[in-house]
Amino acid sequence: MENGESTEDAARRETLEEACTEVNIQSLYTLTSIVHVNQVQLIYLADMPTPDYGPSEESLEVRLFEEHEIPWDALAFETIRQVLRLYFEDRKQQQFPLRHVEINNNAFNTARVHD
């Protein structure tokens, strides 16, 4: 985050910087506390108003994937793997509760905050 920037504004900016696309933020989806490295990650549900996206100086490749196409072993961060798994489970029910995920030394604990 930049000084004076909200978390939603930071998510929009990071998406534009890394994927060259704008998004409409819908809601906060996961708050992940990564205890052993003193980090917090916020993941938002969002939609892309246009199909335009691409790589930037901060990314080598940008693609959209169907669930069965995701290269799970090639994802750089375990936190993203976990959030994507939660997302696809929730998508089946069409319910996306806010979740708090805690990771401590690679042990994952997930709690639903509310529906």
PDB file of N, CA and C in Angstrom:
ATOM      1  N   MET A   1       0.831  -1.183   0.000  1.00  0.00           N
ATOM      2  CA  MET A   1       0.000   0.000   0.000  1.00  0.00           C
ATOM      3  C   MET A   1       0.874   1.245   0.000  1.00  0.00           C
ATOM      4  N   GLU A   2       0.351   2.252  -0.638  1.00  0.00           N
ATOM      5  CA  GLU A   2       1.007   3.555  -0.639  1.00  0.00           C
ATOM      6  C   GLU A   2       0.399   4.402   0.479  1.00  0.00           C
ATOM      7  N   ASN A   3       1.132   5.401   0.950  1.00  0.00           N
ATOM      8  CA  ASN A   3       0.593   6.310   1.959  1.00  0.00           C
ATOM      9  C   ASN A   3      -0.678   6.963   1.436  1.00  0.00           C
ATOM     10  N   GLY A   4      -1.688   7.043   2.287  1.00  0.00           N
ATOM     11  CA  GLY A   4      -2.938   7.684   1.918  1.00  0.00           C
ATOM     12  C   GLY A   4      -3.839   6.846   1.033  1.00  0.00           C
ATOM     13  N   GLU A   5      -3.532   5.571   0.871  1.00  0.00           N
ATOM     14  CA  GLU A   5      -4.282   4.694  -0.035  1.00  0.00           C
ATOM     15  C   GLU A   5      -5.116   3.706   0.779  1.00  0.00           C
ATOM     16  N   SER A   6      -6.371   3.521   0.395  1.00  0.00           N
ATOM     17  CA  SER A   6      -7.200   2.505   1.043  1.00  0.00           C
ATOM     18  C   SER A   6      -6.801   1.122   0.523  1.00  0.00           C
ATOM     19  N   THR A   7      -7.236   0.074   1.217  1.00  0.00           N
ATOM     20  CA  THR A   7      -6.907  -1.276   0.747  1.00  0.00           C
ATOM     21  C   THR A   7      -7.560  -1.559  -0.602  1.00  0.00           C
ATOM     22  N   GLU A   8      -8.772  -1.060  -0.818  1.00  0.00           N
ATOM     23  CA  GLU A   8      -9.426  -1.254  -2.117  1.00  0.00           C
ATOM     24  C   GLU A   8      -8.681  -0.511  -3.222  1.00  0.00           C
ATOM     25  N   ASP A   9      -8.262   0.712  -2.934  1.00  0.00           N
ATOM     26  CA  ASP A   9      -7.483   1.463  -3.928  1.00  0.00           C
ATOM     27  C   ASP A   9      -6.172   0.750  -4.237  1.00  0.00           C
ATOM     28  N   ALA A  10      -5.536   0.185  -3.214  1.00  0.00           N
ATOM     29  CA  ALA A  10      -4.287  -0.556  -3.423  1.00  0.00           C
ATOM     30  C   ALA A  10      -4.532  -1.778  -4.303  1.00  0.00           C
ATOM     31  N   ALA A  11      -5.641  -2.479  -4.085  1.00  0.00           N
ATOM     32  CA  ALA A  11      -5.961  -3.655  -4.905  1.00  0.00           C
ATOM     33  C   ALA A  11      -6.176  -3.251  -6.363  1.00  0.00           C
ATOM     34  N   ARG A  12      -6.894  -2.167  -6.573  1.00  0.00           N
ATOM     35  CA  ARG A  12      -7.107  -1.680  -7.947  1.00  0.00           C
ATOM     36  C   ARG A  12      -5.777  -1.307  -8.608  1.00  0.00           C
ATOM     37  N   ARG A  13      -4.941  -0.566  -7.872  1.00  0.00           N
ATOM     38  CA  ARG A  13      -3.662  -0.125  -8.422  1.00  0.00           C
ATOM     39  C   ARG A  13      -2.762  -1.312  -8.730  1.00  0.00           C
ATOM     40  N   GLU A  14      -2.664  -2.265  -7.803  1.00  0.00           N
ATOM     41  CA  GLU A  14      -1.814  -3.437  -8.025  1.00  0.00           C
ATOM     42  C   GLU A  14      -2.289  -4.242  -9.236  1.00  0.00           C
ATOM     43  N   THR A  15      -3.600  -4.366  -9.394  1.00  0.00           N
ATOM     44  CA  THR A  15      -4.137  -5.090 -10.552  1.00  0.00           C
ATOM     45  C   THR A  15      -3.773  -4.373 -11.846  1.00  0.00           C
ATOM     46  N   LEU A  16      -3.906  -3.063 -11.848  1.00  0.00           N
ATOM     47  CA  LEU A  16      -3.546  -2.285 -13.037  1.00  0.00           C
ATOM     48  C   LEU A  16      -2.049  -2.399 -13.322  1.00  0.00           C
ATOM     49  N   GLU A  17      -1.223  -2.318 -12.278  1.00  0.00           N
ATOM     50  CA  GLU A  17       0.228  -2.388 -12.467  1.00  0.00           C
ATOM     51  C   GLU A  17       0.697  -3.769 -12.922  1.00  0.00           C
ATOM     52  N   GLU A  18       0.062  -4.826 -12.429  1.00  0.00           N
ATOM     53  CA  GLU A  18       0.551  -6.172 -12.709  1.00  0.00           C
ATOM     54  C   GLU A  18      -0.154  -6.859 -13.870  1.00  0.00           C
ATOM     55  N   ALA A  19      -1.408  -6.482 -14.139  1.00  0.00           N
ATOM     56  CA  ALA A  19      -2.161  -7.161 -15.199  1.00  0.00           C
ATOM     57  C   ALA A  19      -2.719  -6.199 -16.239  1.00  0.00           C
ATOM     58  N   CYS A  20      -2.369  -4.928 -16.129  1.00  0.00           N
ATOM     59  CA  CYS A  20      -2.808  -3.921 -17.111  1.00  0.00           C
ATOM     60  C   CYS A  20      -4.315  -3.934 -17.331  1.00  0.00           C
ATOM     61  N   THR A  21      -5.067  -4.097 -16.245  1.00  0.00           N
ATOM     62  CA  THR A  21      -6.517  -4.065 -16.367  1.00  0.00           C
ATOM     63  C   THR A  21      -7.119  -3.369 -15.162  1.00  0.00           C
ATOM     64  N   GLU A  22      -8.296  -2.828 -15.365  1.00  0.00           N
ATOM     65  CA  GLU A  22      -9.035  -2.207 -14.274  1.00  0.00           C
ATOM     66  C   GLU A  22     -10.084  -3.187 -13.782  1.00  0.00           C
ATOM     67  N   VAL A  23     -10.394  -3.101 -12.490  1.00  0.00           N
ATOM     68  CA  VAL A  23     -11.398  -3.982 -11.897  1.00  0.00           C
ATOM     69  C   VAL A  23     -12.373  -3.164 -11.070  1.00  0.00           C
ATOM     70  N   ASN A  24     -13.576  -3.720 -10.925  1.00  0.00           N
ATOM     71  CA  ASN A  24     -14.582  -3.182 -10.015  1.00  0.00           C
ATOM     72  C   ASN A  24     -14.590  -4.084  -8.787  1.00  0.00           C
ATOM     73  N   ILE A  25     -14.183  -3.543  -7.647  1.00  0.00           N
ATOM     74  CA  ILE A  25     -14.152  -4.310  -6.408  1.00  0.00           C
ATOM     75  C   ILE A  25     -15.589  -4.581  -5.964  1.00  0.00           C
ATOM     76  N   GLN A  26     -15.874  -5.843  -5.638  1.00  0.00           N
ATOM     77  CA  GLN A  26     -17.197  -6.225  -5.143  1.00  0.00           C
ATOM     78  C   GLN A  26     -17.217  -6.299  -3.618  1.00  0.00           C
ATOM     79  N   SER A  27     -16.286  -7.084  -3.053  1.00  0.00           N
ATOM     80  CA  SER A  27     -16.246  -7.241  -1.600  1.00  0.00           C
ATOM     81  C   SER A  27     -14.930  -7.880  -1.184  1.00  0.00           C
ATOM     82  N   LEU A  28     -14.609  -7.722   0.090  1.00  0.00           N
ATOM     83  CA  LEU A  28     -13.461  -8.409   0.657  1.00  0.00           C
ATOM     84  C   LEU A  28     -13.799  -9.891   0.744  1.00  0.00           C
ATOM     85  N   TYR A  29     -12.901 -10.744   0.305  1.00  0.00           N
ATOM     86  CA  TYR A  29     -13.149 -12.190   0.299  1.00  0.00           C
ATOM     87  C   TYR A  29     -12.329 -12.918   1.358  1.00  0.00           C
ATOM     88  N   THR A  30     -11.030 -12.666   1.410  1.00  0.00           N
ATOM     89  CA  THR A  30     -10.215 -13.301   2.445  1.00  0.00           C
ATOM     90  C   THR A  30      -9.267 -12.292   3.074  1.00  0.00           C
ATOM     91  N   LEU A  31      -9.094 -12.469   4.362  1.00  0.00           N
ATOM     92  CA  LEU A  31      -8.075 -11.756   5.117  1.00  0.00           C
ATOM     93  C   LEU A  31      -7.144 -12.848   5.620  1.00  0.00           C
ATOM     94  N   THR A  32      -5.921 -12.861   5.137  1.00  0.00           N
ATOM     95  CA  THR A  32      -4.972 -13.919   5.483  1.00  0.00           C
ATOM     96  C   THR A  32      -3.867 -13.351   6.354  1.00  0.00           C
ATOM     97  N   SER A  33      -3.756 -13.897   7.561  1.00  0.00           N
ATOM     98  CA  SER A  33      -2.671 -13.540   8.477  1.00  0.00           C
ATOM     99  C   SER A  33      -1.573 -14.577   8.317  1.00  0.00           C
ATOM    100  N   ILE A  34      -0.413 -14.139   7.865  1.00  0.00           N
ATOM    101  CA  ILE A  34       0.726 -15.044   7.696  1.00  0.00           C
ATOM    102  C   ILE A  34       1.658 -14.753   8.870  1.00  0.00           C
ATOM    103  N   VAL A  35       1.385 -15.453   9.966  1.00  0.00           N
ATOM    104  CA  VAL A  35       1.973 -15.130  11.260  1.00  0.00           C
ATOM    105  C   VAL A  35       3.493 -15.220  11.253  1.00  0.00           C
ATOM    106  N   HIS A  36       4.046 -16.281  10.697  1.00  0.00           N
ATOM    107  CA  HIS A  36       5.486 -16.525  10.797  1.00  0.00           C
ATOM    108  C   HIS A  36       6.338 -15.566   9.967  1.00  0.00           C
ATOM    109  N   VAL A  37       5.725 -14.779   9.080  1.00  0.00           N
ATOM    110  CA  VAL A  37       6.490 -13.770   8.325  1.00  0.00           C
ATOM    111  C   VAL A  37       5.920 -12.359   8.515  1.00  0.00           C
ATOM    112  N   ASN A  38       5.012 -12.210   9.491  1.00  0.00           N
ATOM    113  CA  ASN A  38       4.461 -10.892   9.838  1.00  0.00           C
ATOM    114  C   ASN A  38       3.819 -10.185   8.647  1.00  0.00           C
ATOM    115  N   GLN A  39       2.974 -10.912   7.908  1.00  0.00           N
ATOM    116  CA  GLN A  39       2.286 -10.328   6.755  1.00  0.00           C
ATOM    117  C   GLN A  39       0.781 -10.530   6.873  1.00  0.00           C
ATOM    118  N   VAL A  40       0.063  -9.635   6.234  1.00  0.00           N
ATOM    119  CA  VAL A  40      -1.384  -9.755   6.086  1.00  0.00           C
ATOM    120  C   VAL A  40      -1.695  -9.556   4.611  1.00  0.00           C
ATOM    121  N   GLN A  41      -2.519 -10.438   4.047  1.00  0.00           N
ATOM    122  CA  GLN A  41      -2.954 -10.298   2.656  1.00  0.00           C
ATOM    123  C   GLN A  41      -4.468 -10.165   2.632  1.00  0.00           C
ATOM    124  N   LEU A  42      -4.961  -9.200   1.869  1.00  0.00           N
ATOM    125  CA  LEU A  42      -6.390  -9.030   1.648  1.00  0.00           C
ATOM    126  C   LEU A  42      -6.672  -9.379   0.199  1.00  0.00           C
ATOM    127  N   ILE A  43      -7.629 -10.271  -0.015  1.00  0.00           N
ATOM    128  CA  ILE A  43      -8.027 -10.655  -1.371  1.00  0.00           C
ATOM    129  C   ILE A  43      -9.481 -10.220  -1.559  1.00  0.00           C
ATOM    130  N   TYR A  44      -9.725  -9.504  -2.629  1.00  0.00           N
ATOM    131  CA  TYR A  44     -11.061  -9.005  -2.933  1.00  0.00           C
ATOM    132  C   TYR A  44     -11.677  -9.782  -4.083  1.00  0.00           C
ATOM    133  N   LEU A  45     -13.000  -9.922  -4.054  1.00  0.00           N
ATOM    134  CA  LEU A  45     -13.745 -10.363  -5.229  1.00  0.00           C
ATOM    135  C   LEU A  45     -13.938  -9.126  -6.100  1.00  0.00           C
ATOM    136  N   ALA A  46     -13.732  -9.283  -7.389  1.00  0.00           N
ATOM    137  CA  ALA A  46     -13.849  -8.148  -8.302  1.00  0.00           C
ATOM    138  C   ALA A  46     -14.228  -8.659  -9.680  1.00  0.00           C
ATOM    139  N   ASP A  47     -14.722  -7.762 -10.509  1.00  0.00           N
ATOM    140  CA  ASP A  47     -14.942  -8.137 -11.904  1.00  0.00           C
ATOM    141  C   ASP A  47     -14.197  -7.165 -12.805  1.00  0.00           C
ATOM    142  N   MET A  48     -13.946  -7.646 -14.015  1.00  0.00           N
ATOM    143  CA  MET A  48     -13.264  -6.842 -15.032  1.00  0.00           C
ATOM    144  C   MET A  48     -14.321  -6.295 -15.979  1.00  0.00           C
ATOM    145  N   PRO A  49     -14.465  -4.966 -16.053  1.00  0.00           N
ATOM    146  CA  PRO A  49     -15.490  -4.408 -16.931  1.00  0.00           C
ATOM    147  C   PRO A  49     -15.179  -4.577 -18.417  1.00  0.00           C
ATOM    148  N   THR A  50     -13.903  -4.806 -18.747  1.00  0.00           N
ATOM    149  CA  THR A  50     -13.522  -5.046 -20.140  1.00  0.00           C
ATOM    150  C   THR A  50     -12.628  -6.283 -20.201  1.00  0.00           C
ATOM    151  N   PRO A  51     -12.527  -6.920 -21.352  1.00  0.00           N
ATOM    152  CA  PRO A  51     -11.671  -8.111 -21.468  1.00  0.00           C
ATOM    153  C   PRO A  51     -10.199  -7.781 -21.706  1.00  0.00           C
ATOM    154  N   ASP A  52      -9.822  -6.532 -21.539  1.00  0.00           N
ATOM    155  CA  ASP A  52      -8.449  -6.114 -21.828  1.00  0.00           C
ATOM    156  C   ASP A  52      -7.540  -6.354 -20.629  1.00  0.00           C
ATOM    157  N   TYR A  53      -6.449  -7.068 -20.833  1.00  0.00           N
ATOM    158  CA  TYR A  53      -5.442  -7.313 -19.806  1.00  0.00           C
ATOM    159  C   TYR A  53      -4.159  -7.738 -20.501  1.00  0.00           C
ATOM    160  N   GLY A  54      -3.061  -7.766 -19.763  1.00  0.00           N
ATOM    161  CA  GLY A  54      -1.800  -8.193 -20.353  1.00  0.00           C
ATOM    162  C   GLY A  54      -0.651  -8.047 -19.373  1.00  0.00           C
ATOM    163  N   PRO A  55       0.527  -8.500 -19.773  1.00  0.00           N
ATOM    164  CA  PRO A  55       1.705  -8.384 -18.903  1.00  0.00           C
ATOM    165  C   PRO A  55       2.181  -6.937 -18.817  1.00  0.00           C
ATOM    166  N   SER A  56       2.952  -6.684 -17.788  1.00  0.00           N
ATOM    167  CA  SER A  56       3.513  -5.351 -17.580  1.00  0.00           C
ATOM    168  C   SER A  56       4.964  -5.499 -17.149  1.00  0.00           C
ATOM    169  N   GLU A  57       5.560  -4.407 -16.709  1.00  0.00           N
ATOM    170  CA  GLU A  57       6.928  -4.471 -16.204  1.00  0.00           C
ATOM    171  C   GLU A  57       7.020  -5.360 -14.965  1.00  0.00           C
ATOM    172  N   GLU A  58       5.895  -5.585 -14.290  1.00  0.00           N
ATOM    173  CA  GLU A  58       5.887  -6.362 -13.055  1.00  0.00           C
ATOM    174  C   GLU A  58       5.446  -7.806 -13.254  1.00  0.00           C
ATOM    175  N   SER A  59       5.131  -8.203 -14.482  1.00  0.00           N
ATOM    176  CA  SER A  59       4.683  -9.577 -14.726  1.00  0.00           C
ATOM    177  C   SER A  59       5.191 -10.059 -16.082  1.00  0.00           C
ATOM    178  N   LEU A  60       5.550 -11.321 -16.136  1.00  0.00           N
ATOM    179  CA  LEU A  60       6.027 -11.906 -17.392  1.00  0.00           C
ATOM    180  C   LEU A  60       4.879 -12.386 -18.267  1.00  0.00           C
ATOM    181  N   GLU A  61       3.823 -12.907 -17.617  1.00  0.00           N
ATOM    182  CA  GLU A  61       2.700 -13.471 -18.356  1.00  0.00           C
ATOM    183  C   GLU A  61       1.431 -13.254 -17.554  1.00  0.00           C
ATOM    184  N   VAL A  62       0.339 -12.948 -18.233  1.00  0.00           N
ATOM    185  CA  VAL A  62      -0.963 -12.778 -17.607  1.00  0.00           C
ATOM    186  C   VAL A  62      -1.970 -13.546 -18.441  1.00  0.00           C
ATOM    187  N   ARG A  63      -2.734 -14.433 -17.784  1.00  0.00           N
ATOM    188  CA  ARG A  63      -3.759 -15.221 -18.486  1.00  0.00           C
ATOM    189  C   ARG A  63      -4.967 -15.392 -17.591  1.00  0.00           C
ATOM    190  N   LEU A  64      -6.097 -15.688 -18.207  1.00  0.00           N
ATOM    191  CA  LEU A  64      -7.291 -16.110 -17.482  1.00  0.00           C
ATOM    192  C   LEU A  64      -7.406 -17.617 -17.643  1.00  0.00           C
ATOM    193  N   PHE A  65      -7.780 -18.300 -16.559  1.00  0.00           N
ATOM    194  CA  PHE A  65      -7.846 -19.757 -16.570  1.00  0.00           C
ATOM    195  C   PHE A  65      -9.214 -20.249 -16.143  1.00  0.00           C
ATOM    196  N   GLU A  66      -9.660 -21.336 -16.752  1.00  0.00           N
ATOM    197  CA  GLU A  66     -10.750 -22.121 -16.195  1.00  0.00           C
ATOM    198  C   GLU A  66     -10.157 -22.912 -15.029  1.00  0.00           C
ATOM    199  N   GLU A  67     -10.989 -23.352 -14.115  1.00  0.00           N
ATOM    200  CA  GLU A  67     -10.485 -24.066 -12.935  1.00  0.00           C
ATOM    201  C   GLU A  67      -9.597 -25.249 -13.309  1.00  0.00           C
ATOM    202  N   HIS A  68     -10.014 -26.048 -14.273  1.00  0.00           N
ATOM    203  CA  HIS A  68      -9.253 -27.253 -14.637  1.00  0.00           C
ATOM    204  C   HIS A  68      -7.934 -26.928 -15.352  1.00  0.00           C
ATOM    205  N   GLU A  69      -7.748 -25.683 -15.778  1.00  0.00           N
ATOM    206  CA  GLU A  69      -6.529 -25.287 -16.486  1.00  0.00           C
ATOM    207  C   GLU A  69      -5.449 -24.701 -15.571  1.00  0.00           C
ATOM    208  N   ILE A  70      -5.776 -24.425 -14.335  1.00  0.00           N
ATOM    209  CA  ILE A  70      -4.824 -23.748 -13.445  1.00  0.00           C
ATOM    210  C   ILE A  70      -3.601 -24.625 -13.225  1.00  0.00           C
ATOM    211  N   PRO A  71      -2.419 -24.090 -13.447  1.00  0.00           N
ATOM    212  CA  PRO A  71      -1.180 -24.849 -13.198  1.00  0.00           C
ATOM    213  C   PRO A  71      -0.825 -24.784 -11.704  1.00  0.00           C
ATOM    214  N   TRP A  72      -1.529 -25.574 -10.904  1.00  0.00           N
ATOM    215  CA  TRP A  72      -1.433 -25.490  -9.445  1.00  0.00           C
ATOM    216  C   TRP A  72       0.010 -25.530  -8.947  1.00  0.00           C
ATOM    217  N   ASP A  73       0.823 -26.399  -9.507  1.00  0.00           N
ATOM    218  CA  ASP A  73       2.209 -26.534  -9.044  1.00  0.00           C
ATOM    219  C   ASP A  73       3.087 -25.354  -9.446  1.00  0.00           C
ATOM    220  N   ALA A  74       2.640 -24.563 -10.395  1.00  0.00           N
ATOM    221  CA  ALA A  74       3.434 -23.423 -10.856  1.00  0.00           C
ATOM    222  C   ALA A  74       3.081 -22.122 -10.131  1.00  0.00           C
ATOM    223  N   LEU A  75       2.042 -22.150  -9.298  1.00  0.00           N
ATOM    224  CA  LEU A  75       1.684 -20.934  -8.566  1.00  0.00           C
ATOM    225  C   LEU A  75       2.780 -20.612  -7.559  1.00  0.00           C
ATOM    226  N   ALA A  76       3.168 -19.358  -7.510  1.00  0.00           N
ATOM    227  CA  ALA A  76       4.326 -18.958  -6.696  1.00  0.00           C
ATOM    228  C   ALA A  76       4.048 -18.984  -5.196  1.00  0.00           C
ATOM    229  N   PHE A  77       2.803 -18.755  -4.799  1.00  0.00           N
ATOM    230  CA  PHE A  77       2.516 -18.599  -3.373  1.00  0.00           C
ATOM    231  C   PHE A  77       1.446 -19.579  -2.909  1.00  0.00           C
ATOM    232  N   GLU A  78       1.726 -20.260  -1.820  1.00  0.00           N
ATOM    233  CA  GLU A  78       0.768 -21.202  -1.239  1.00  0.00           C
ATOM    234  C   GLU A  78      -0.513 -20.488  -0.813  1.00  0.00           C
ATOM    235  N   THR A  79      -0.396 -19.254  -0.373  1.00  0.00           N
ATOM    236  CA  THR A  79      -1.596 -18.518   0.030  1.00  0.00           C
ATOM    237  C   THR A  79      -2.567 -18.378  -1.139  1.00  0.00           C
ATOM    238  N   ILE A  80      -2.056 -18.136  -2.324  1.00  0.00           N
ATOM    239  CA  ILE A  80      -2.916 -17.997  -3.502  1.00  0.00           C
ATOM    240  C   ILE A  80      -3.557 -19.333  -3.845  1.00  0.00           C
ATOM    241  N   ARG A  81      -2.807 -20.419  -3.742  1.00  0.00           N
ATOM    242  CA  ARG A  81      -3.375 -21.759  -3.963  1.00  0.00           C
ATOM    243  C   ARG A  81      -4.558 -21.995  -3.026  1.00  0.00           C
ATOM    244  N   GLN A  82      -4.370 -21.673  -1.758  1.00  0.00           N
ATOM    245  CA  GLN A  82      -5.420 -21.907  -0.766  1.00  0.00           C
ATOM    246  C   GLN A  82      -6.652 -21.045  -1.037  1.00  0.00           C
ATOM    247  N   VAL A  83      -6.443 -19.775  -1.359  1.00  0.00           N
ATOM    248  CA  VAL A  83      -7.576 -18.883  -1.628  1.00  0.00           C
ATOM    249  C   VAL A  83      -8.317 -19.319  -2.889  1.00  0.00           C
ATOM    250  N   LEU A  84      -7.606 -19.732  -3.913  1.00  0.00           N
ATOM    251  CA  LEU A  84      -8.268 -20.218  -5.128  1.00  0.00           C
ATOM    252  C   LEU A  84      -9.093 -21.465  -4.845  1.00  0.00           C
ATOM    253  N   ARG A  85      -8.586 -22.364  -4.027  1.00  0.00           N
ATOM    254  CA  ARG A  85      -9.360 -23.569  -3.670  1.00  0.00           C
ATOM    255  C   ARG A  85     -10.643 -23.188  -2.932  1.00  0.00           C
ATOM    256  N   LEU A  86     -10.530 -22.261  -1.982  1.00  0.00           N
ATOM    257  CA  LEU A  86     -11.721 -21.783  -1.278  1.00  0.00           C
ATOM    258  C   LEU A  86     -12.706 -21.154  -2.258  1.00  0.00           C
ATOM    259  N   TYR A  87     -12.197 -20.349  -3.171  1.00  0.00           N
ATOM    260  CA  TYR A  87     -13.055 -19.674  -4.144  1.00  0.00           C
ATOM    261  C   TYR A  87     -13.839 -20.683  -4.984  1.00  0.00           C
ATOM    262  N   PHE A  88     -13.173 -21.692  -5.495  1.00  0.00           N
ATOM    263  CA  PHE A  88     -13.873 -22.658  -6.343  1.00  0.00           C
ATOM    264  C   PHE A  88     -14.878 -23.483  -5.545  1.00  0.00           C
ATOM    265  N   GLU A  89     -14.592 -23.768  -4.279  1.00  0.00           N
ATOM    266  CA  GLU A  89     -15.581 -24.436  -3.424  1.00  0.00           C
ATOM    267  C   GLU A  89     -16.793 -23.531  -3.226  1.00  0.00           C
ATOM    268  N   ASP A  90     -16.548 -22.264  -2.915  1.00  0.00           N
ATOM    269  CA  ASP A  90     -17.639 -21.321  -2.676  1.00  0.00           C
ATOM    270  C   ASP A  90     -18.438 -21.038  -3.942  1.00  0.00           C
ATOM    271  N   ARG A  91     -17.775 -21.032  -5.073  1.00  0.00           N
ATOM    272  CA  ARG A  91     -18.464 -20.755  -6.339  1.00  0.00           C
ATOM    273  C   ARG A  91     -19.529 -21.805  -6.628  1.00  0.00           C
ATOM    274  N   LYS A  92     -19.275 -23.041  -6.227  1.00  0.00           N
ATOM    275  CA  LYS A  92     -20.272 -24.103  -6.433  1.00  0.00           C
ATOM    276  C   LYS A  92     -21.574 -23.789  -5.703  1.00  0.00           C
ATOM    277  N   GLN A  93     -21.465 -23.134  -4.556  1.00  0.00           N
ATOM    278  CA  GLN A  93     -22.642 -22.778  -3.755  1.00  0.00           C
ATOM    279  C   GLN A  93     -23.159 -21.372  -4.069  1.00  0.00           C
ATOM    280  N   GLN A  94     -22.387 -20.625  -4.858  1.00  0.00           N
ATOM    281  CA  GLN A  94     -22.696 -19.221  -5.155  1.00  0.00           C
ATOM    282  C   GLN A  94     -22.836 -18.389  -3.875  1.00  0.00           C
ATOM    283  N   GLN A  95     -22.009 -18.730  -2.883  1.00  0.00           N
ATOM    284  CA  GLN A  95     -21.932 -17.971  -1.640  1.00  0.00           C
ATOM    285  C   GLN A  95     -20.459 -17.725  -1.353  1.00  0.00           C
ATOM    286  N   PHE A  96     -20.128 -16.479  -1.082  1.00  0.00           N
ATOM    287  CA  PHE A  96     -18.732 -16.087  -0.901  1.00  0.00           C
ATOM    288  C   PHE A  96     -18.570 -15.363   0.434  1.00  0.00           C
ATOM    289  N   PRO A  97     -18.556 -16.130   1.524  1.00  0.00           N
ATOM    290  CA  PRO A  97     -18.428 -15.487   2.833  1.00  0.00           C
ATOM    291  C   PRO A  97     -17.040 -14.891   3.020  1.00  0.00           C
ATOM    292  N   LEU A  98     -16.987 -13.852   3.822  1.00  0.00           N
ATOM    293  CA  LEU A  98     -15.693 -13.317   4.214  1.00  0.00           C
ATOM    294  C   LEU A  98     -15.008 -14.365   5.077  1.00  0.00           C
ATOM    295  N   ARG A  99     -13.747 -14.643   4.764  1.00  0.00           N
ATOM    296  CA  ARG A  99     -13.004 -15.672   5.499  1.00  0.00           C
ATOM    297  C   ARG A  99     -11.736 -15.077   6.089  1.00  0.00           C
ATOM    298  N   HIS A 100     -11.414 -15.555   7.278  1.00  0.00           N
ATOM    299  CA  HIS A 100     -10.122 -15.233   7.879  1.00  0.00           C
ATOM    300  C   HIS A 100      -9.288 -16.500   7.821  1.00  0.00           C
ATOM    301  N   VAL A 101      -8.147 -16.413   7.164  1.00  0.00           N
ATOM    302  CA  VAL A 101      -7.229 -17.545   7.028  1.00  0.00           C
ATOM    303  C   VAL A 101      -5.986 -17.206   7.833  1.00  0.00           C
ATOM    304  N   GLU A 102      -5.575 -18.129   8.683  1.00  0.00           N
ATOM    305  CA  GLU A 102      -4.345 -17.926   9.448  1.00  0.00           C
ATOM    306  C   GLU A 102      -3.346 -18.992   9.053  1.00  0.00           C
ATOM    307  N   ILE A 103      -2.144 -18.547   8.732  1.00  0.00           N
ATOM    308  CA  ILE A 103      -1.068 -19.461   8.363  1.00  0.00           C
ATOM    309  C   ILE A 103       0.065 -19.230   9.348  1.00  0.00           C
ATOM    310  N   ASN A 104       0.465 -20.295  10.005  1.00  0.00           N
ATOM    311  CA  ASN A 104       1.579 -20.207  10.938  1.00  0.00           C
ATOM    312  C   ASN A 104       2.491 -21.390  10.672  1.00  0.00           C
ATOM    313  N   ASN A 105       3.669 -21.110  10.139  1.00  0.00           N
ATOM    314  CA  ASN A 105       4.624 -22.170   9.769  1.00  0.00           C
ATOM    315  C   ASN A 105       3.995 -23.186   8.823  1.00  0.00           C
ATOM    316  N   ASN A 106       3.276 -22.664   7.809  1.00  0.00           N
ATOM    317  CA  ASN A 106       2.642 -23.450   6.749  1.00  0.00           C
ATOM    318  C   ASN A 106       1.469 -24.303   7.206  1.00  0.00           C
ATOM    319  N   ALA A 107       0.983 -24.117   8.446  1.00  0.00           N
ATOM    320  CA  ALA A 107      -0.250 -24.772   8.885  1.00  0.00           C
ATOM    321  C   ALA A 107      -1.398 -23.791   8.629  1.00  0.00           C
ATOM    322  N   PHE A 108      -2.443 -24.252   7.912  1.00  0.00           N
ATOM    323  CA  PHE A 108      -3.556 -23.395   7.530  1.00  0.00           C
ATOM    324  C   PHE A 108      -4.748 -23.630   8.444  1.00  0.00           C
ATOM    325  N   ASN A 109      -5.325 -22.537   8.925  1.00  0.00           N
ATOM    326  CA  ASN A 109      -6.585 -22.577   9.654  1.00  0.00           C
ATOM    327  C   ASN A 109      -7.505 -21.575   8.977  1.00  0.00           C
ATOM    328  N   THR A 110      -8.714 -22.008   8.643  1.00  0.00           N
ATOM    329  CA  THR A 110      -9.656 -21.139   7.952  1.00  0.00           C
ATOM    330  C   THR A 110     -10.929 -21.022   8.771  1.00  0.00           C
ATOM    331  N   ALA A 111     -11.406 -19.798   8.933  1.00  0.00           N
ATOM    332  CA  ALA A 111     -12.660 -19.560   9.634  1.00  0.00           C
ATOM    333  C   ALA A 111     -13.540 -18.674   8.767  1.00  0.00           C
ATOM    334  N   ARG A 112     -14.821 -18.977   8.764  1.00  0.00           N
ATOM    335  CA  ARG A 112     -15.784 -18.099   8.102  1.00  0.00           C
ATOM    336  C   ARG A 112     -16.075 -16.968   9.059  1.00  0.00           C
ATOM    337  N   VAL A 113     -15.936 -15.761   8.603  1.00  0.00           N
ATOM    338  CA  VAL A 113     -16.215 -14.620   9.457  1.00  0.00           C
ATOM    339  C   VAL A 113     -17.713 -14.339   9.455  1.00  0.00           C
ATOM    340  N   HIS A 114     -18.322 -14.343   8.283  1.00  0.00           N
ATOM    341  CA  HIS A 114     -19.777 -14.216   8.171  1.00  0.00           C
ATOM    342  C   HIS A 114     -20.200 -14.602   6.767  1.00  0.00           C
ATOM    343  N   ASP A 115     -21.483 -14.862   6.606  1.00  0.00           N
ATOM    344  CA  ASP A 115     -22.049 -15.192   5.292  1.00  0.00           C
ATOM    345  C   ASP A 115     -22.623 -13.951   4.665  1.00  0.00           C
TER     346      ASP A 115
END
